[in-house]
Amino acid sequence: MQLVIAIAIGVSIIAMTLWVIRLLLIPQPDDPDPDDVKEIAVDYRCVVCGMRLTVTHAQEANPVAPRHCREDMVEIS
């Protein structure tokens, strides 16, 4: 019985180690081209907790609303 438990623990340690190594091998995305970044001023508010966020630079004129408290933030004017 102890041998089965030891083998199960060993296999799970090896599986977790391989999972972490695979995560570390994923390349990071390229940095955005500084010429593509535009200055904007868009204010967002979290509908759950009320946190406010101002986006000042983005790659597109109308960026996608960020998420906070697992919900999409709403744009405020």
PDB file of N, CA and C in Angstrom:
ATOM      1  N   MET A   1       0.824  -1.196   0.000  1.00  0.00           N
ATOM      2  CA  MET A   1       0.000   0.000   0.000  1.00  0.00           C
ATOM      3  C   MET A   1       0.874   1.270   0.000  1.00  0.00           C
ATOM      4  N   GLN A   2       1.939   1.251   0.791  1.00  0.00           N
ATOM      5  CA  GLN A   2       2.820   2.408   0.852  1.00  0.00           C
ATOM      6  C   GLN A   2       3.528   2.630  -0.480  1.00  0.00           C
ATOM      7  N   LEU A   3       3.817   1.549  -1.183  1.00  0.00           N
ATOM      8  CA  LEU A   3       4.460   1.661  -2.484  1.00  0.00           C
ATOM      9  C   LEU A   3       3.537   2.349  -3.484  1.00  0.00           C
ATOM     10  N   VAL A   4       2.270   2.042  -3.462  1.00  0.00           N
ATOM     11  CA  VAL A   4       1.300   2.662  -4.371  1.00  0.00           C
ATOM     12  C   VAL A   4       1.183   4.157  -4.070  1.00  0.00           C
ATOM     13  N   ILE A   5       1.144   4.517  -2.810  1.00  0.00           N
ATOM     14  CA  ILE A   5       1.062   5.927  -2.420  1.00  0.00           C
ATOM     15  C   ILE A   5       2.333   6.664  -2.841  1.00  0.00           C
ATOM     16  N   ALA A   6       3.482   6.049  -2.647  1.00  0.00           N
ATOM     17  CA  ALA A   6       4.753   6.670  -3.035  1.00  0.00           C
ATOM     18  C   ALA A   6       4.822   6.869  -4.545  1.00  0.00           C
ATOM     19  N   ILE A   7       4.373   5.887  -5.306  1.00  0.00           N
ATOM     20  CA  ILE A   7       4.360   6.018  -6.766  1.00  0.00           C
ATOM     21  C   ILE A   7       3.398   7.124  -7.192  1.00  0.00           C
ATOM     22  N   ALA A   8       2.226   7.203  -6.581  1.00  0.00           N
ATOM     23  CA  ALA A   8       1.248   8.244  -6.922  1.00  0.00           C
ATOM     24  C   ALA A   8       1.810   9.631  -6.616  1.00  0.00           C
ATOM     25  N   ILE A   9       2.471   9.787  -5.480  1.00  0.00           N
ATOM     26  CA  ILE A   9       3.078  11.079  -5.134  1.00  0.00           C
ATOM     27  C   ILE A   9       4.190  11.415  -6.116  1.00  0.00           C
ATOM     28  N   GLY A  10       5.025  10.444  -6.466  1.00  0.00           N
ATOM     29  CA  GLY A  10       6.109  10.669  -7.418  1.00  0.00           C
ATOM     30  C   GLY A  10       5.591  11.077  -8.795  1.00  0.00           C
ATOM     31  N   VAL A  11       4.569  10.397  -9.270  1.00  0.00           N
ATOM     32  CA  VAL A  11       3.991  10.729 -10.574  1.00  0.00           C
ATOM     33  C   VAL A  11       3.378  12.123 -10.548  1.00  0.00           C
ATOM     34  N   SER A  12       2.707  12.484  -9.463  1.00  0.00           N
ATOM     35  CA  SER A  12       2.100  13.819  -9.404  1.00  0.00           C
ATOM     36  C   SER A  12       3.175  14.906  -9.326  1.00  0.00           C
ATOM     37  N   ILE A  13       4.280  14.658  -8.637  1.00  0.00           N
ATOM     38  CA  ILE A  13       5.378  15.636  -8.583  1.00  0.00           C
ATOM     39  C   ILE A  13       5.992  15.808  -9.968  1.00  0.00           C
ATOM     40  N   ILE A  14       6.209  14.716 -10.676  1.00  0.00           N
ATOM     41  CA  ILE A  14       6.764  14.799 -12.031  1.00  0.00           C
ATOM     42  C   ILE A  14       5.798  15.529 -12.962  1.00  0.00           C
ATOM     43  N   ALA A  15       4.504  15.233 -12.859  1.00  0.00           N
ATOM     44  CA  ALA A  15       3.516  15.896 -13.721  1.00  0.00           C
ATOM     45  C   ALA A  15       3.474  17.391 -13.449  1.00  0.00           C
ATOM     46  N   MET A  16       3.498  17.813 -12.187  1.00  0.00           N
ATOM     47  CA  MET A  16       3.486  19.244 -11.862  1.00  0.00           C
ATOM     48  C   MET A  16       4.759  19.919 -12.338  1.00  0.00           C
ATOM     49  N   THR A  17       5.899  19.231 -12.217  1.00  0.00           N
ATOM     50  CA  THR A  17       7.168  19.799 -12.677  1.00  0.00           C
ATOM     51  C   THR A  17       7.142  20.017 -14.188  1.00  0.00           C
ATOM     52  N   LEU A  18       6.665  19.050 -14.930  1.00  0.00           N
ATOM     53  CA  LEU A  18       6.568  19.193 -16.387  1.00  0.00           C
ATOM     54  C   LEU A  18       5.598  20.303 -16.770  1.00  0.00           C
ATOM     55  N   TRP A  19       4.497  20.444 -16.024  1.00  0.00           N
ATOM     56  CA  TRP A  19       3.522  21.501 -16.304  1.00  0.00           C
ATOM     57  C   TRP A  19       4.167  22.881 -16.111  1.00  0.00           C
ATOM     58  N   VAL A  20       4.929  23.042 -15.027  1.00  0.00           N
ATOM     59  CA  VAL A  20       5.593  24.322 -14.755  1.00  0.00           C
ATOM     60  C   VAL A  20       6.645  24.612 -15.823  1.00  0.00           C
ATOM     61  N   ILE A  21       7.386  23.605 -16.232  1.00  0.00           N
ATOM     62  CA  ILE A  21       8.407  23.805 -17.271  1.00  0.00           C
ATOM     63  C   ILE A  21       7.750  24.219 -18.583  1.00  0.00           C
ATOM     64  N   ARG A  22       6.633  23.591 -18.939  1.00  0.00           N
ATOM     65  CA  ARG A  22       5.915  23.981 -20.164  1.00  0.00           C
ATOM     66  C   ARG A  22       5.429  25.416 -20.081  1.00  0.00           C
ATOM     67  N   LEU A  23       4.968  25.842 -18.918  1.00  0.00           N
ATOM     68  CA  LEU A  23       4.528  27.230 -18.760  1.00  0.00           C
ATOM     69  C   LEU A  23       5.684  28.207 -18.929  1.00  0.00           C
ATOM     70  N   LEU A  24       6.846  27.836 -18.422  1.00  0.00           N
ATOM     71  CA  LEU A  24       8.013  28.707 -18.527  1.00  0.00           C
ATOM     72  C   LEU A  24       8.554  28.779 -19.951  1.00  0.00           C
ATOM     73  N   LEU A  25       8.286  27.794 -20.772  1.00  0.00           N
ATOM     74  CA  LEU A  25       8.786  27.769 -22.143  1.00  0.00           C
ATOM     75  C   LEU A  25       7.930  28.566 -23.122  1.00  0.00           C
ATOM     76  N   ILE A  26       6.739  29.006 -22.704  1.00  0.00           N
ATOM     77  CA  ILE A  26       5.883  29.799 -23.587  1.00  0.00           C
ATOM     78  C   ILE A  26       6.528  31.166 -23.757  1.00  0.00           C
ATOM     79  N   PRO A  27       6.811  31.563 -25.012  1.00  0.00           N
ATOM     80  CA  PRO A  27       7.485  32.852 -25.217  1.00  0.00           C
ATOM     81  C   PRO A  27       6.564  34.027 -24.888  1.00  0.00           C
ATOM     82  N   GLN A  28       7.169  35.103 -24.431  1.00  0.00           N
ATOM     83  CA  GLN A  28       6.417  36.318 -24.128  1.00  0.00           C
ATOM     84  C   GLN A  28       6.020  36.996 -25.434  1.00  0.00           C
ATOM     85  N   PRO A  29       4.871  37.671 -25.466  1.00  0.00           N
ATOM     86  CA  PRO A  29       4.502  38.381 -26.687  1.00  0.00           C
ATOM     87  C   PRO A  29       5.467  39.532 -26.946  1.00  0.00           C
ATOM     88  N   ASP A  30       5.584  39.898 -28.216  1.00  0.00           N
ATOM     89  CA  ASP A  30       6.474  40.997 -28.579  1.00  0.00           C
ATOM     90  C   ASP A  30       5.973  42.306 -27.998  1.00  0.00           C
ATOM     91  N   ASP A  31       6.907  43.206 -27.717  1.00  0.00           N
ATOM     92  CA  ASP A  31       6.532  44.530 -27.234  1.00  0.00           C
ATOM     93  C   ASP A  31       5.832  45.294 -28.355  1.00  0.00           C
ATOM     94  N   PRO A  32       4.858  46.130 -28.010  1.00  0.00           N
ATOM     95  CA  PRO A  32       4.174  46.889 -29.056  1.00  0.00           C
ATOM     96  C   PRO A  32       5.121  47.904 -29.687  1.00  0.00           C
ATOM     97  N   ASP A  33       4.888  48.189 -30.945  1.00  0.00           N
ATOM     98  CA  ASP A  33       5.679  49.190 -31.638  1.00  0.00           C
ATOM     99  C   ASP A  33       5.323  50.561 -31.062  1.00  0.00           C
ATOM    100  N   PRO A  34       6.299  51.340 -30.597  1.00  0.00           N
ATOM    101  CA  PRO A  34       5.980  52.649 -30.002  1.00  0.00           C
ATOM    102  C   PRO A  34       5.250  53.588 -30.954  1.00  0.00           C
ATOM    103  N   ASP A  35       5.428  53.387 -32.265  1.00  0.00           N
ATOM    104  CA  ASP A  35       4.719  54.243 -33.225  1.00  0.00           C
ATOM    105  C   ASP A  35       3.237  53.903 -33.298  1.00  0.00           C
ATOM    106  N   ASP A  36       2.863  52.668 -32.907  1.00  0.00           N
ATOM    107  CA  ASP A  36       1.461  52.254 -32.956  1.00  0.00           C
ATOM    108  C   ASP A  36       0.677  52.675 -31.720  1.00  0.00           C
ATOM    109  N   VAL A  37       1.358  53.035 -30.643  1.00  0.00           N
ATOM    110  CA  VAL A  37       0.677  53.408 -29.403  1.00  0.00           C
ATOM    111  C   VAL A  37       0.183  54.846 -29.517  1.00  0.00           C
ATOM    112  N   LYS A  38      -1.114  55.030 -29.244  1.00  0.00           N
ATOM    113  CA  LYS A  38      -1.730  56.354 -29.348  1.00  0.00           C
ATOM    114  C   LYS A  38      -2.099  56.865 -27.958  1.00  0.00           C
ATOM    115  N   GLU A  39      -2.045  58.161 -27.801  1.00  0.00           N
ATOM    116  CA  GLU A  39      -2.488  58.752 -26.536  1.00  0.00           C
ATOM    117  C   GLU A  39      -4.006  58.906 -26.584  1.00  0.00           C
ATOM    118  N   ILE A  40      -4.648  58.398 -25.549  1.00  0.00           N
ATOM    119  CA  ILE A  40      -6.098  58.517 -25.415  1.00  0.00           C
ATOM    120  C   ILE A  40      -6.398  58.896 -23.972  1.00  0.00           C
ATOM    121  N   ALA A  41      -7.630  59.207 -23.704  1.00  0.00           N
ATOM    122  CA  ALA A  41      -8.058  59.481 -22.326  1.00  0.00           C
ATOM    123  C   ALA A  41      -9.448  58.888 -22.158  1.00  0.00           C
ATOM    124  N   VAL A  42      -9.495  57.651 -21.671  1.00  0.00           N
ATOM    125  CA  VAL A  42     -10.761  56.947 -21.483  1.00  0.00           C
ATOM    126  C   VAL A  42     -10.868  56.567 -20.012  1.00  0.00           C
ATOM    127  N   ASP A  43     -11.975  56.914 -19.387  1.00  0.00           N
ATOM    128  CA  ASP A  43     -12.203  56.598 -17.982  1.00  0.00           C
ATOM    129  C   ASP A  43     -13.161  55.415 -17.877  1.00  0.00           C
ATOM    130  N   TYR A  44     -12.838  54.487 -16.982  1.00  0.00           N
ATOM    131  CA  TYR A  44     -13.676  53.318 -16.725  1.00  0.00           C
ATOM    132  C   TYR A  44     -13.997  53.259 -15.243  1.00  0.00           C
ATOM    133  N   ARG A  45     -15.130  52.580 -14.935  1.00  0.00           N
ATOM    134  CA  ARG A  45     -15.537  52.379 -13.545  1.00  0.00           C
ATOM    135  C   ARG A  45     -16.020  50.949 -13.394  1.00  0.00           C
ATOM    136  N   CYS A  46     -15.614  50.311 -12.305  1.00  0.00           N
ATOM    137  CA  CYS A  46     -16.056  48.950 -11.998  1.00  0.00           C
ATOM    138  C   CYS A  46     -17.475  49.022 -11.440  1.00  0.00           C
ATOM    139  N   VAL A  47     -18.371  48.208 -11.990  1.00  0.00           N
ATOM    140  CA  VAL A  47     -19.762  48.233 -11.539  1.00  0.00           C
ATOM    141  C   VAL A  47     -19.943  47.529 -10.203  1.00  0.00           C
ATOM    142  N   VAL A  48     -18.968  46.722  -9.798  1.00  0.00           N
ATOM    143  CA  VAL A  48     -19.092  45.973  -8.551  1.00  0.00           C
ATOM    144  C   VAL A  48     -18.570  46.781  -7.360  1.00  0.00           C
ATOM    145  N   CYS A  49     -17.308  47.274  -7.465  1.00  0.00           N
ATOM    146  CA  CYS A  49     -16.690  47.923  -6.306  1.00  0.00           C
ATOM    147  C   CYS A  49     -16.529  49.437  -6.478  1.00  0.00           C
ATOM    148  N   GLY A  50     -16.723  49.941  -7.695  1.00  0.00           N
ATOM    149  CA  GLY A  50     -16.637  51.376  -7.910  1.00  0.00           C
ATOM    150  C   GLY A  50     -15.242  51.897  -8.212  1.00  0.00           C
ATOM    151  N   MET A  51     -14.244  51.010  -8.363  1.00  0.00           N
ATOM    152  CA  MET A  51     -12.903  51.462  -8.680  1.00  0.00           C
ATOM    153  C   MET A  51     -12.895  52.162 -10.038  1.00  0.00           C
ATOM    154  N   ARG A  52     -12.131  53.252 -10.124  1.00  0.00           N
ATOM    155  CA  ARG A  52     -12.035  53.993 -11.380  1.00  0.00           C
ATOM    156  C   ARG A  52     -10.649  53.818 -11.970  1.00  0.00           C
ATOM    157  N   LEU A  53     -10.591  53.819 -13.313  1.00  0.00           N
ATOM    158  CA  LEU A  53      -9.349  53.609 -14.033  1.00  0.00           C
ATOM    159  C   LEU A  53      -9.335  54.535 -15.238  1.00  0.00           C
ATOM    160  N   THR A  54      -8.208  55.200 -15.475  1.00  0.00           N
ATOM    161  CA  THR A  54      -8.044  56.039 -16.656  1.00  0.00           C
ATOM    162  C   THR A  54      -6.979  55.413 -17.540  1.00  0.00           C
ATOM    163  N   VAL A  55      -7.356  55.096 -18.775  1.00  0.00           N
ATOM    164  CA  VAL A  55      -6.427  54.554 -19.754  1.00  0.00           C
ATOM    165  C   VAL A  55      -5.880  55.732 -20.546  1.00  0.00           C
ATOM    166  N   THR A  56      -4.563  55.891 -20.560  1.00  0.00           N
ATOM    167  CA  THR A  56      -3.959  57.041 -21.222  1.00  0.00           C
ATOM    168  C   THR A  56      -3.244  56.684 -22.515  1.00  0.00           C
ATOM    169  N   HIS A  57      -2.878  55.422 -22.708  1.00  0.00           N
ATOM    170  CA  HIS A  57      -2.196  54.992 -23.919  1.00  0.00           C
ATOM    171  C   HIS A  57      -2.759  53.641 -24.349  1.00  0.00           C
ATOM    172  N   ALA A  58      -3.001  53.476 -25.662  1.00  0.00           N
ATOM    173  CA  ALA A  58      -3.500  52.207 -26.184  1.00  0.00           C
ATOM    174  C   ALA A  58      -3.084  52.065 -27.630  1.00  0.00           C
ATOM    175  N   GLN A  59      -3.147  50.838 -28.135  1.00  0.00           N
ATOM    176  CA  GLN A  59      -2.794  50.593 -29.521  1.00  0.00           C
ATOM    177  C   GLN A  59      -3.951  50.896 -30.460  1.00  0.00           C
ATOM    178  N   GLU A  60      -5.134  51.030 -29.943  1.00  0.00           N
ATOM    179  CA  GLU A  60      -6.288  51.315 -30.785  1.00  0.00           C
ATOM    180  C   GLU A  60      -7.061  52.487 -30.200  1.00  0.00           C
ATOM    181  N   ALA A  61      -7.836  53.149 -31.042  1.00  0.00           N
ATOM    182  CA  ALA A  61      -8.557  54.343 -30.599  1.00  0.00           C
ATOM    183  C   ALA A  61      -9.662  54.002 -29.592  1.00  0.00           C
ATOM    184  N   ASN A  62     -10.324  52.873 -29.778  1.00  0.00           N
ATOM    185  CA  ASN A  62     -11.394  52.443 -28.871  1.00  0.00           C
ATOM    186  C   ASN A  62     -10.998  51.115 -28.233  1.00  0.00           C
ATOM    187  N   PRO A  63     -10.244  51.137 -27.139  1.00  0.00           N
ATOM    188  CA  PRO A  63      -9.788  49.878 -26.534  1.00  0.00           C
ATOM    189  C   PRO A  63     -10.949  49.107 -25.898  1.00  0.00           C
ATOM    190  N   VAL A  64     -10.753  47.820 -25.762  1.00  0.00           N
ATOM    191  CA  VAL A  64     -11.742  46.962 -25.107  1.00  0.00           C
ATOM    192  C   VAL A  64     -11.725  47.276 -23.616  1.00  0.00           C
ATOM    193  N   ALA A  65     -12.897  47.327 -23.018  1.00  0.00           N
ATOM    194  CA  ALA A  65     -13.001  47.650 -21.591  1.00  0.00           C
ATOM    195  C   ALA A  65     -12.283  46.586 -20.764  1.00  0.00           C
ATOM    196  N   PRO A  66     -11.455  47.002 -19.796  1.00  0.00           N
ATOM    197  CA  PRO A  66     -10.779  46.025 -18.932  1.00  0.00           C
ATOM    198  C   PRO A  66     -11.767  45.365 -17.977  1.00  0.00           C
ATOM    199  N   ARG A  67     -11.322  44.319 -17.324  1.00  0.00           N
ATOM    200  CA  ARG A  67     -12.161  43.604 -16.361  1.00  0.00           C
ATOM    201  C   ARG A  67     -11.640  43.871 -14.957  1.00  0.00           C
ATOM    202  N   HIS A  68     -12.563  43.995 -14.015  1.00  0.00           N
ATOM    203  CA  HIS A  68     -12.223  44.134 -12.606  1.00  0.00           C
ATOM    204  C   HIS A  68     -13.326  43.456 -11.821  1.00  0.00           C
ATOM    205  N   CYS A  69     -13.005  42.808 -10.754  1.00  0.00           N
ATOM    206  CA  CYS A  69     -13.969  42.033  -9.959  1.00  0.00           C
ATOM    207  C   CYS A  69     -14.706  41.021 -10.844  1.00  0.00           C
ATOM    208  N   ARG A  70     -13.988  40.503 -11.852  1.00  0.00           N
ATOM    209  CA  ARG A  70     -14.508  39.504 -12.794  1.00  0.00           C
ATOM    210  C   ARG A  70     -15.658  40.025 -13.649  1.00  0.00           C
ATOM    211  N   GLU A  71     -15.821  41.308 -13.741  1.00  0.00           N
ATOM    212  CA  GLU A  71     -16.862  41.915 -14.581  1.00  0.00           C
ATOM    213  C   GLU A  71     -16.216  42.958 -15.482  1.00  0.00           C
ATOM    214  N   ASP A  72     -16.815  43.202 -16.660  1.00  0.00           N
ATOM    215  CA  ASP A  72     -16.326  44.264 -17.533  1.00  0.00           C
ATOM    216  C   ASP A  72     -16.590  45.612 -16.885  1.00  0.00           C
ATOM    217  N   MET A  73     -15.598  46.501 -16.987  1.00  0.00           N
ATOM    218  CA  MET A  73     -15.779  47.856 -16.466  1.00  0.00           C
ATOM    219  C   MET A  73     -16.603  48.652 -17.487  1.00  0.00           C
ATOM    220  N   VAL A  74     -17.300  49.670 -17.023  1.00  0.00           N
ATOM    221  CA  VAL A  74     -18.095  50.506 -17.930  1.00  0.00           C
ATOM    222  C   VAL A  74     -17.373  51.823 -18.156  1.00  0.00           C
ATOM    223  N   GLU A  75     -17.495  52.325 -19.383  1.00  0.00           N
ATOM    224  CA  GLU A  75     -16.858  53.590 -19.718  1.00  0.00           C
ATOM    225  C   GLU A  75     -17.721  54.722 -19.177  1.00  0.00           C
ATOM    226  N   ILE A  76     -17.065  55.686 -18.534  1.00  0.00           N
ATOM    227  CA  ILE A  76     -17.787  56.855 -18.021  1.00  0.00           C
ATOM    228  C   ILE A  76     -17.347  58.071 -18.808  1.00  0.00           C
ATOM    229  N   SER A  77     -18.260  58.972 -19.008  1.00  0.00           N
ATOM    230  CA  SER A  77     -17.970  60.151 -19.819  1.00  0.00           C
ATOM    231  C   SER A  77     -17.527  61.312 -18.966  1.00  0.00           C
TER     232      SER A  77
END
